[in-house]
Structures are given as structure tokens and as C-alpha cells.
Amino acid sequence: MTRQNDIAEAILCEEKRHIDMLITNGIENGMMVRYIEGKGRGVFATQKFQKGQYVVEYHGDLLQITDAKKREALYAQDPTTGCYMYYFQYLSKTYCVDATKESDRLGRLINHSKNGNCQTKLHDINGIPHLILVASRDIQEGEELLYDYGDRSKASIEAHPWLKH
């Protein structure tokens, strides 16, 4: 049994190294952006993704909560600024990935759905948390990539009614 465990552990280590390399080098494969009438930009799969497979990093500035709240207050002063701030807990600290600044990275453009085909997961690289999206089920080529933003606050839903769906 230990031989099988060793093989399984080696496979997991290799998968982690591969994801580390993709994140570190900003490599984003198997996706393209398309404009959706009435919705704006969306990200679509150009390949199949298997359940549990790494899809993309939600890339932006990694901030601690105090800096994130200051930045969020600045953004609130300009109603044309979208909100691309994702708060999460890691090793009993609150962090935020701020992907508000326009970039060529695709994770920030994946739209919301309560029944999305992706889910967020934390991925550690040398003690630094990275927020990634993995397939929550098998995804077919051509499908729009979606995940649940998880925001159910009354104020957010009033400002963004699409969060209800």
C-alpha cells in the first residue's frame, strides 16, 4: 500500500509544481474573452477542464485587510470603478486580492453565477497565498466559465442585482 501512497503523493507534488509554474509565469491556457450582449465581457473555455483541475489564478495585488479597506474606500469615491476585490482568510489573517486594475489576466473577468462551473481555492507558493479557480465539475469547450462570488450582503445585491442569480 505504501508504494501506491508514494506514487499518489508524487503525482500531487508534480501537479502542485505545475500549478506553481503556471501561476509564477502568468500562463493562462484554455480560455478566451468574448463580449456577451447585456452582460459585458466573459471568459469561455477553449478546451475541456476536468473536475478539480486548475483553471486560472484570480490575479491582482495581495493586500492585508487594513490596506484593502483603504483602497476600497478610494474606489467607492468613483462610481465608474468596478469592484474586483476578493477577501479571504489564510492562516487566521484576512487578505484581499485586488484585481480592479485593468490587466490582460483573465481570472478577473470570470462572471458570477450561484451555480458556476468553477470554485475558488487557496494555493500556497512559498508561504504566500494565491487565489485560484478550479473546475467544480467537468467543463466542456465553449462553456462560459463562472463562479459564485459569495457576496450576499443587502447593499451589494441592491447595487448589483445580478448577484441573486
N, C-alpha and C. Protein backbone atom coordinates (compact mmCIF):
# COMPACT_ATOMS: atom_id res chain seq x y z
N MET A 1 0.82 -1.20 0.00
CA MET A 1 0.00 0.00 0.00
C MET A 1 0.86 1.27 0.00
N THR A 2 2.00 1.24 0.69
CA THR A 2 2.84 2.45 0.75
C THR A 2 3.37 2.84 -0.62
N ARG A 3 3.64 1.86 -1.48
CA ARG A 3 4.11 2.17 -2.83
C ARG A 3 3.04 2.99 -3.57
N GLN A 4 1.77 2.60 -3.46
CA GLN A 4 0.68 3.36 -4.09
C GLN A 4 0.57 4.75 -3.48
N ASN A 5 0.73 4.84 -2.15
CA ASN A 5 0.68 6.14 -1.49
C ASN A 5 1.82 7.04 -1.97
N ASP A 6 3.02 6.44 -2.12
CA ASP A 6 4.17 7.20 -2.61
C ASP A 6 3.93 7.72 -4.02
N ILE A 7 3.34 6.89 -4.86
CA ILE A 7 3.04 7.29 -6.25
C ILE A 7 2.00 8.41 -6.25
N ALA A 8 0.94 8.26 -5.45
CA ALA A 8 -0.11 9.28 -5.37
C ALA A 8 0.48 10.60 -4.86
N GLU A 9 1.35 10.52 -3.86
CA GLU A 9 1.98 11.73 -3.32
C GLU A 9 2.89 12.40 -4.35
N ALA A 10 3.61 11.59 -5.11
CA ALA A 10 4.49 12.13 -6.16
C ALA A 10 3.67 12.83 -7.24
N ILE A 11 2.52 12.27 -7.60
CA ILE A 11 1.65 12.88 -8.60
C ILE A 11 1.13 14.23 -8.08
N LEU A 12 0.70 14.27 -6.82
CA LEU A 12 0.21 15.52 -6.23
C LEU A 12 1.31 16.57 -6.19
N CYS A 13 2.52 16.17 -5.84
CA CYS A 13 3.65 17.10 -5.81
C CYS A 13 3.92 17.66 -7.20
N GLU A 14 3.86 16.79 -8.20
CA GLU A 14 4.10 17.22 -9.58
C GLU A 14 2.99 18.18 -10.04
N GLU A 15 1.72 17.88 -9.69
CA GLU A 15 0.61 18.78 -10.03
C GLU A 15 0.81 20.14 -9.38
N LYS A 16 1.22 20.15 -8.10
CA LYS A 16 1.45 21.41 -7.40
C LYS A 16 2.57 22.21 -8.07
N ARG A 17 3.67 21.53 -8.42
CA ARG A 17 4.78 22.21 -9.11
C ARG A 17 4.31 22.81 -10.43
N HIS A 18 3.46 22.07 -11.16
CA HIS A 18 2.94 22.55 -12.44
C HIS A 18 2.08 23.81 -12.24
N ILE A 19 1.19 23.78 -11.24
CA ILE A 19 0.34 24.95 -10.94
C ILE A 19 1.21 26.12 -10.48
N ASP A 20 2.20 25.85 -9.62
CA ASP A 20 3.14 26.89 -9.18
C ASP A 20 3.78 27.57 -10.39
N MET A 21 4.23 26.77 -11.36
CA MET A 21 4.89 27.30 -12.55
C MET A 21 3.92 28.16 -13.38
N LEU A 22 2.68 27.68 -13.57
CA LEU A 22 1.70 28.45 -14.34
C LEU A 22 1.42 29.79 -13.67
N ILE A 23 1.23 29.77 -12.35
CA ILE A 23 0.94 31.00 -11.60
C ILE A 23 2.14 31.95 -11.64
N THR A 24 3.32 31.43 -11.34
CA THR A 24 4.53 32.25 -11.27
C THR A 24 4.82 32.92 -12.62
N ASN A 25 4.55 32.22 -13.70
CA ASN A 25 4.83 32.75 -15.04
C ASN A 25 3.62 33.42 -15.69
N GLY A 26 2.49 33.47 -14.99
CA GLY A 26 1.30 34.13 -15.53
C GLY A 26 0.75 33.45 -16.77
N ILE A 27 0.90 32.13 -16.85
CA ILE A 27 0.42 31.38 -18.02
C ILE A 27 -1.05 31.03 -17.82
N GLU A 28 -1.88 31.43 -18.79
CA GLU A 28 -3.32 31.19 -18.74
C GLU A 28 -3.74 30.53 -20.05
N ASN A 29 -3.94 29.22 -20.00
CA ASN A 29 -4.27 28.46 -21.20
C ASN A 29 -5.72 28.01 -21.18
N GLY A 30 -6.26 27.78 -22.37
CA GLY A 30 -7.57 27.14 -22.48
C GLY A 30 -8.75 28.06 -22.29
N MET A 31 -8.54 29.38 -22.45
CA MET A 31 -9.62 30.35 -22.25
C MET A 31 -9.53 31.48 -23.26
N MET A 32 -10.69 32.09 -23.52
CA MET A 32 -10.72 33.30 -24.35
C MET A 32 -11.83 34.21 -23.86
N VAL A 33 -11.67 35.51 -24.10
CA VAL A 33 -12.67 36.50 -23.70
C VAL A 33 -13.60 36.75 -24.88
N ARG A 34 -14.90 36.79 -24.57
CA ARG A 34 -15.91 37.15 -25.57
C ARG A 34 -16.84 38.18 -24.96
N TYR A 35 -17.39 39.03 -25.80
CA TYR A 35 -18.36 40.01 -25.35
C TYR A 35 -19.74 39.36 -25.36
N ILE A 36 -20.49 39.55 -24.27
CA ILE A 36 -21.83 38.98 -24.14
C ILE A 36 -22.81 40.15 -24.08
N GLU A 37 -23.75 40.18 -25.02
CA GLU A 37 -24.74 41.25 -25.07
C GLU A 37 -25.47 41.38 -23.75
N GLY A 38 -25.53 42.60 -23.21
CA GLY A 38 -26.24 42.87 -21.97
C GLY A 38 -25.48 42.48 -20.71
N LYS A 39 -24.29 41.92 -20.87
CA LYS A 39 -23.54 41.44 -19.71
C LYS A 39 -22.11 41.98 -19.70
N GLY A 40 -21.55 42.20 -20.88
CA GLY A 40 -20.16 42.65 -20.97
C GLY A 40 -19.24 41.50 -21.29
N ARG A 41 -18.00 41.59 -20.82
CA ARG A 41 -17.03 40.55 -21.13
C ARG A 41 -17.26 39.30 -20.29
N GLY A 42 -16.95 38.17 -20.89
CA GLY A 42 -17.00 36.89 -20.20
C GLY A 42 -15.85 36.03 -20.69
N VAL A 43 -15.52 35.01 -19.91
CA VAL A 43 -14.40 34.12 -20.25
C VAL A 43 -14.98 32.76 -20.59
N PHE A 44 -14.54 32.22 -21.71
CA PHE A 44 -15.04 30.94 -22.21
C PHE A 44 -13.91 29.94 -22.35
N ALA A 45 -14.24 28.69 -22.09
CA ALA A 45 -13.26 27.60 -22.20
C ALA A 45 -12.99 27.31 -23.67
N THR A 46 -11.73 27.19 -24.03
CA THR A 46 -11.35 26.77 -25.39
C THR A 46 -10.81 25.34 -25.36
N GLN A 47 -10.95 24.70 -24.20
CA GLN A 47 -10.56 23.31 -24.03
C GLN A 47 -11.45 22.73 -22.94
N LYS A 48 -11.40 21.42 -22.77
CA LYS A 48 -12.12 20.78 -21.67
C LYS A 48 -11.30 20.91 -20.39
N PHE A 49 -11.99 21.09 -19.27
CA PHE A 49 -11.36 21.06 -17.94
C PHE A 49 -12.06 19.96 -17.15
N GLN A 50 -11.28 19.13 -16.48
CA GLN A 50 -11.85 18.07 -15.65
C GLN A 50 -12.14 18.61 -14.26
N LYS A 51 -13.14 18.03 -13.60
CA LYS A 51 -13.48 18.41 -12.23
C LYS A 51 -12.20 18.40 -11.38
N GLY A 52 -11.98 19.49 -10.64
CA GLY A 52 -10.81 19.60 -9.76
C GLY A 52 -9.59 20.19 -10.44
N GLN A 53 -9.62 20.34 -11.75
CA GLN A 53 -8.45 20.84 -12.49
C GLN A 53 -8.28 22.35 -12.30
N TYR A 54 -7.03 22.79 -12.18
CA TYR A 54 -6.71 24.22 -12.13
C TYR A 54 -7.17 24.88 -13.42
N VAL A 55 -7.84 26.04 -13.28
CA VAL A 55 -8.29 26.79 -14.45
C VAL A 55 -7.47 28.07 -14.61
N VAL A 56 -7.46 28.91 -13.55
CA VAL A 56 -6.78 30.20 -13.65
C VAL A 56 -6.59 30.79 -12.25
N GLU A 57 -5.62 31.70 -12.14
CA GLU A 57 -5.45 32.44 -10.89
C GLU A 57 -6.32 33.69 -10.93
N TYR A 58 -6.92 34.04 -9.79
CA TYR A 58 -7.55 35.35 -9.64
C TYR A 58 -6.41 36.27 -9.23
N HIS A 59 -5.83 36.92 -10.22
CA HIS A 59 -4.56 37.63 -10.03
C HIS A 59 -4.79 39.12 -9.77
N GLY A 60 -4.06 39.65 -8.83
CA GLY A 60 -4.10 41.08 -8.53
C GLY A 60 -3.13 41.37 -7.41
N ASP A 61 -3.28 42.54 -6.80
CA ASP A 61 -2.44 42.91 -5.67
C ASP A 61 -2.90 42.16 -4.43
N LEU A 62 -1.99 41.49 -3.75
CA LEU A 62 -2.31 40.81 -2.49
C LEU A 62 -2.14 41.83 -1.37
N LEU A 63 -3.24 42.11 -0.66
CA LEU A 63 -3.24 43.13 0.38
C LEU A 63 -3.68 42.55 1.72
N GLN A 64 -3.17 43.13 2.80
CA GLN A 64 -3.71 42.80 4.11
C GLN A 64 -4.95 43.67 4.30
N ILE A 65 -5.80 43.29 5.24
CA ILE A 65 -7.13 43.90 5.34
C ILE A 65 -7.12 45.41 5.52
N THR A 66 -6.20 45.96 6.31
CA THR A 66 -6.20 47.42 6.54
C THR A 66 -5.94 48.18 5.24
N ASP A 67 -4.97 47.72 4.44
CA ASP A 67 -4.67 48.36 3.16
C ASP A 67 -5.82 48.16 2.18
N ALA A 68 -6.44 46.99 2.22
CA ALA A 68 -7.55 46.70 1.32
C ALA A 68 -8.74 47.63 1.60
N LYS A 69 -9.05 47.82 2.87
CA LYS A 69 -10.18 48.70 3.24
C LYS A 69 -9.93 50.14 2.81
N LYS A 70 -8.68 50.62 2.94
CA LYS A 70 -8.32 51.97 2.49
C LYS A 70 -8.53 52.09 0.98
N ARG A 71 -8.07 51.10 0.26
CA ARG A 71 -8.19 51.12 -1.19
C ARG A 71 -9.66 51.05 -1.62
N GLU A 72 -10.43 50.21 -0.92
CA GLU A 72 -11.85 50.07 -1.22
C GLU A 72 -12.57 51.41 -1.02
N ALA A 73 -12.20 52.15 0.02
CA ALA A 73 -12.80 53.46 0.28
C ALA A 73 -12.48 54.44 -0.86
N LEU A 74 -11.26 54.37 -1.39
CA LEU A 74 -10.90 55.21 -2.54
C LEU A 74 -11.74 54.85 -3.76
N TYR A 75 -11.88 53.55 -4.02
CA TYR A 75 -12.67 53.11 -5.17
C TYR A 75 -14.13 53.56 -5.05
N ALA A 76 -14.66 53.57 -3.83
CA ALA A 76 -16.06 53.92 -3.60
C ALA A 76 -16.35 55.37 -3.99
N GLN A 77 -15.31 56.21 -4.01
CA GLN A 77 -15.49 57.61 -4.39
C GLN A 77 -15.72 57.79 -5.89
N ASP A 78 -15.38 56.78 -6.68
CA ASP A 78 -15.56 56.85 -8.13
C ASP A 78 -16.52 55.73 -8.57
N PRO A 79 -17.78 56.09 -8.86
CA PRO A 79 -18.77 55.07 -9.21
C PRO A 79 -18.46 54.30 -10.50
N THR A 80 -17.54 54.82 -11.33
CA THR A 80 -17.20 54.09 -12.56
C THR A 80 -16.20 52.97 -12.32
N THR A 81 -15.60 52.94 -11.12
CA THR A 81 -14.64 51.88 -10.78
C THR A 81 -15.42 50.63 -10.38
N GLY A 82 -15.18 49.55 -11.08
CA GLY A 82 -15.81 48.28 -10.69
C GLY A 82 -15.12 47.75 -9.44
N CYS A 83 -15.73 46.78 -8.81
CA CYS A 83 -15.12 46.18 -7.63
C CYS A 83 -14.63 44.77 -7.97
N TYR A 84 -13.34 44.59 -7.87
CA TYR A 84 -12.71 43.30 -8.17
C TYR A 84 -11.89 42.85 -6.96
N MET A 85 -12.40 43.16 -5.77
CA MET A 85 -11.68 42.83 -4.54
C MET A 85 -12.25 41.56 -3.95
N TYR A 86 -11.38 40.59 -3.69
CA TYR A 86 -11.81 39.29 -3.16
C TYR A 86 -11.13 39.08 -1.81
N TYR A 87 -11.94 39.09 -0.74
CA TYR A 87 -11.42 38.90 0.61
C TYR A 87 -11.42 37.41 0.97
N PHE A 88 -10.42 36.98 1.72
CA PHE A 88 -10.34 35.58 2.16
C PHE A 88 -9.48 35.47 3.41
N GLN A 89 -9.64 34.36 4.10
CA GLN A 89 -8.86 34.07 5.30
C GLN A 89 -7.73 33.10 4.92
N TYR A 90 -6.55 33.36 5.47
CA TYR A 90 -5.42 32.45 5.27
C TYR A 90 -4.56 32.49 6.52
N LEU A 91 -4.36 31.34 7.13
CA LEU A 91 -3.59 31.23 8.37
C LEU A 91 -4.03 32.28 9.40
N SER A 92 -5.33 32.33 9.63
CA SER A 92 -6.00 33.21 10.60
C SER A 92 -5.77 34.72 10.37
N LYS A 93 -5.43 35.09 9.15
CA LYS A 93 -5.34 36.50 8.77
C LYS A 93 -6.29 36.74 7.61
N THR A 94 -6.82 37.97 7.51
CA THR A 94 -7.68 38.32 6.38
C THR A 94 -6.84 39.03 5.33
N TYR A 95 -6.95 38.53 4.11
CA TYR A 95 -6.26 39.12 2.96
C TYR A 95 -7.29 39.51 1.91
N CYS A 96 -6.80 40.22 0.91
CA CYS A 96 -7.64 40.59 -0.22
C CYS A 96 -6.78 40.55 -1.48
N VAL A 97 -7.33 39.98 -2.53
CA VAL A 97 -6.71 40.11 -3.85
C VAL A 97 -7.50 41.21 -4.55
N ASP A 98 -6.81 42.28 -4.89
CA ASP A 98 -7.44 43.40 -5.60
C ASP A 98 -7.05 43.31 -7.07
N ALA A 99 -8.02 42.92 -7.88
CA ALA A 99 -7.80 42.78 -9.32
C ALA A 99 -8.53 43.90 -10.08
N THR A 100 -8.77 45.02 -9.41
CA THR A 100 -9.53 46.13 -10.01
C THR A 100 -8.81 46.73 -11.21
N LYS A 101 -7.49 46.90 -11.10
CA LYS A 101 -6.72 47.50 -12.19
C LYS A 101 -6.82 46.62 -13.44
N GLU A 102 -7.21 47.25 -14.54
CA GLU A 102 -7.36 46.54 -15.81
C GLU A 102 -6.03 45.88 -16.19
N SER A 103 -6.10 44.61 -16.58
CA SER A 103 -4.89 43.89 -16.98
C SER A 103 -5.28 42.86 -18.05
N ASP A 104 -4.28 42.14 -18.53
CA ASP A 104 -4.57 41.10 -19.53
C ASP A 104 -4.87 39.76 -18.87
N ARG A 105 -4.96 39.73 -17.54
CA ARG A 105 -5.22 38.47 -16.82
C ARG A 105 -6.71 38.16 -16.87
N LEU A 106 -7.04 36.89 -17.08
CA LEU A 106 -8.43 36.51 -17.34
C LEU A 106 -9.26 36.20 -16.10
N GLY A 107 -8.62 35.82 -14.99
CA GLY A 107 -9.37 35.45 -13.80
C GLY A 107 -10.32 36.54 -13.33
N ARG A 108 -9.91 37.80 -13.49
CA ARG A 108 -10.71 38.93 -13.03
C ARG A 108 -11.97 39.13 -13.88
N LEU A 109 -12.03 38.50 -15.05
CA LEU A 109 -13.17 38.69 -15.95
C LEU A 109 -14.19 37.56 -15.88
N ILE A 110 -13.94 36.57 -15.05
CA ILE A 110 -14.89 35.45 -14.95
C ILE A 110 -16.12 35.93 -14.18
N ASN A 111 -17.27 35.73 -14.80
CA ASN A 111 -18.53 36.24 -14.27
C ASN A 111 -19.10 35.38 -13.14
N HIS A 112 -20.10 35.96 -12.47
CA HIS A 112 -20.76 35.34 -11.33
C HIS A 112 -21.93 34.45 -11.74
N SER A 113 -22.07 33.35 -11.03
CA SER A 113 -23.28 32.53 -11.07
C SER A 113 -23.31 31.73 -9.78
N LYS A 114 -24.49 31.66 -9.16
CA LYS A 114 -24.62 30.84 -7.95
C LYS A 114 -24.35 29.38 -8.26
N ASN A 115 -24.56 28.99 -9.52
CA ASN A 115 -24.34 27.60 -9.96
C ASN A 115 -23.19 27.53 -10.94
N GLY A 116 -22.09 28.20 -10.62
CA GLY A 116 -20.95 28.25 -11.53
C GLY A 116 -20.28 26.89 -11.73
N ASN A 117 -19.38 26.85 -12.72
CA ASN A 117 -18.64 25.62 -13.01
C ASN A 117 -17.21 25.67 -12.46
N CYS A 118 -16.90 26.76 -11.75
CA CYS A 118 -15.60 26.91 -11.09
C CYS A 118 -15.82 27.28 -9.63
N GLN A 119 -14.79 27.04 -8.83
CA GLN A 119 -14.83 27.46 -7.42
C GLN A 119 -13.46 27.95 -7.03
N THR A 120 -13.43 28.83 -6.03
CA THR A 120 -12.16 29.37 -5.57
C THR A 120 -11.49 28.39 -4.62
N LYS A 121 -10.19 28.47 -4.59
CA LYS A 121 -9.39 27.62 -3.72
C LYS A 121 -8.10 28.39 -3.43
N LEU A 122 -7.54 28.20 -2.25
CA LEU A 122 -6.27 28.83 -1.93
C LEU A 122 -5.12 27.91 -2.34
N HIS A 123 -4.08 28.49 -2.90
CA HIS A 123 -2.91 27.74 -3.34
C HIS A 123 -1.68 28.46 -2.78
N ASP A 124 -0.91 27.76 -1.98
CA ASP A 124 0.25 28.33 -1.32
C ASP A 124 1.50 28.15 -2.17
N ILE A 125 2.23 29.24 -2.39
CA ILE A 125 3.55 29.16 -3.02
C ILE A 125 4.53 29.85 -2.09
N ASN A 126 5.39 29.06 -1.47
CA ASN A 126 6.40 29.57 -0.53
C ASN A 126 5.80 30.46 0.56
N GLY A 127 4.66 30.03 1.11
CA GLY A 127 4.03 30.75 2.22
C GLY A 127 3.16 31.92 1.80
N ILE A 128 3.07 32.17 0.50
CA ILE A 128 2.23 33.27 0.01
C ILE A 128 0.96 32.69 -0.61
N PRO A 129 -0.21 33.14 -0.14
CA PRO A 129 -1.45 32.59 -0.68
C PRO A 129 -1.78 33.16 -2.06
N HIS A 130 -2.24 32.30 -2.93
CA HIS A 130 -2.74 32.69 -4.24
C HIS A 130 -4.17 32.18 -4.34
N LEU A 131 -5.04 33.00 -4.85
CA LEU A 131 -6.43 32.62 -5.03
C LEU A 131 -6.57 32.06 -6.44
N ILE A 132 -7.00 30.81 -6.53
CA ILE A 132 -7.12 30.18 -7.85
C ILE A 132 -8.55 29.71 -8.06
N LEU A 133 -8.89 29.48 -9.30
CA LEU A 133 -10.17 28.89 -9.66
C LEU A 133 -9.91 27.50 -10.22
N VAL A 134 -10.67 26.53 -9.72
CA VAL A 134 -10.59 25.16 -10.21
C VAL A 134 -11.98 24.76 -10.71
N ALA A 135 -12.01 23.80 -11.60
CA ALA A 135 -13.29 23.32 -12.14
C ALA A 135 -14.08 22.59 -11.05
N SER A 136 -15.31 23.02 -10.81
CA SER A 136 -16.14 22.37 -9.79
C SER A 136 -16.90 21.18 -10.39
N ARG A 137 -16.84 21.06 -11.70
CA ARG A 137 -17.39 19.92 -12.43
C ARG A 137 -16.67 19.88 -13.77
N ASP A 138 -16.88 18.83 -14.55
CA ASP A 138 -16.29 18.80 -15.88
C ASP A 138 -16.84 19.97 -16.70
N ILE A 139 -15.95 20.66 -17.40
CA ILE A 139 -16.33 21.82 -18.22
C ILE A 139 -16.02 21.49 -19.67
N GLN A 140 -16.99 21.73 -20.54
CA GLN A 140 -16.82 21.46 -21.96
C GLN A 140 -16.27 22.68 -22.69
N GLU A 141 -15.58 22.44 -23.78
CA GLU A 141 -15.09 23.52 -24.64
C GLU A 141 -16.29 24.37 -25.07
N GLY A 142 -16.14 25.69 -25.03
CA GLY A 142 -17.21 26.59 -25.44
C GLY A 142 -18.07 27.11 -24.30
N GLU A 143 -17.99 26.49 -23.13
CA GLU A 143 -18.79 26.93 -21.98
C GLU A 143 -18.21 28.21 -21.39
N GLU A 144 -19.12 29.09 -20.91
CA GLU A 144 -18.64 30.25 -20.17
C GLU A 144 -18.18 29.78 -18.80
N LEU A 145 -17.04 30.30 -18.36
CA LEU A 145 -16.53 29.99 -17.02
C LEU A 145 -17.21 30.93 -16.03
N LEU A 146 -17.72 30.37 -14.94
CA LEU A 146 -18.49 31.12 -13.94
C LEU A 146 -18.18 30.60 -12.55
N TYR A 147 -18.23 31.49 -11.56
CA TYR A 147 -18.12 31.05 -10.17
C TYR A 147 -18.97 31.94 -9.28
N ASP A 148 -19.29 31.45 -8.11
CA ASP A 148 -20.12 32.17 -7.15
C ASP A 148 -19.25 33.17 -6.40
N TYR A 149 -19.54 34.47 -6.55
CA TYR A 149 -18.77 35.49 -5.86
C TYR A 149 -18.98 35.44 -4.35
N GLY A 150 -20.06 34.81 -3.92
CA GLY A 150 -20.30 34.60 -2.49
C GLY A 150 -20.80 35.83 -1.75
N ASP A 151 -21.03 36.92 -2.43
CA ASP A 151 -21.48 38.15 -1.76
C ASP A 151 -23.00 38.17 -1.68
N ARG A 152 -23.53 38.08 -0.46
CA ARG A 152 -24.98 38.06 -0.26
C ARG A 152 -25.46 39.27 0.55
N SER A 153 -24.59 40.26 0.73
CA SER A 153 -24.98 41.41 1.54
C SER A 153 -26.08 42.21 0.83
N LYS A 154 -26.97 42.78 1.63
CA LYS A 154 -28.11 43.52 1.10
C LYS A 154 -27.63 44.69 0.22
N ALA A 155 -26.63 45.41 0.70
CA ALA A 155 -26.10 46.57 -0.05
C ALA A 155 -25.54 46.14 -1.41
N SER A 156 -24.81 45.03 -1.42
CA SER A 156 -24.24 44.53 -2.69
C SER A 156 -25.33 44.11 -3.66
N ILE A 157 -26.33 43.41 -3.15
CA ILE A 157 -27.41 42.94 -4.03
C ILE A 157 -28.23 44.11 -4.56
N GLU A 158 -28.42 45.16 -3.74
CA GLU A 158 -29.12 46.35 -4.23
C GLU A 158 -28.32 47.02 -5.34
N ALA A 159 -27.00 47.10 -5.17
CA ALA A 159 -26.13 47.73 -6.16
C ALA A 159 -25.94 46.86 -7.39
N HIS A 160 -25.95 45.54 -7.18
CA HIS A 160 -25.68 44.58 -8.26
C HIS A 160 -26.72 43.45 -8.21
N PRO A 161 -27.92 43.68 -8.75
CA PRO A 161 -28.99 42.68 -8.65
C PRO A 161 -28.64 41.32 -9.25
N TRP A 162 -27.69 41.29 -10.18
CA TRP A 162 -27.28 40.03 -10.80
C TRP A 162 -26.63 39.07 -9.82
N LEU A 163 -26.22 39.55 -8.63
CA LEU A 163 -25.64 38.65 -7.62
C LEU A 163 -26.66 37.63 -7.10
N LYS A 164 -27.96 37.91 -7.32
CA LYS A 164 -29.00 36.99 -6.85
C LYS A 164 -29.05 35.70 -7.68
N HIS A 165 -28.44 35.72 -8.86
CA HIS A 165 -28.55 34.58 -9.78
C HIS A 165 -27.27 33.79 -9.88
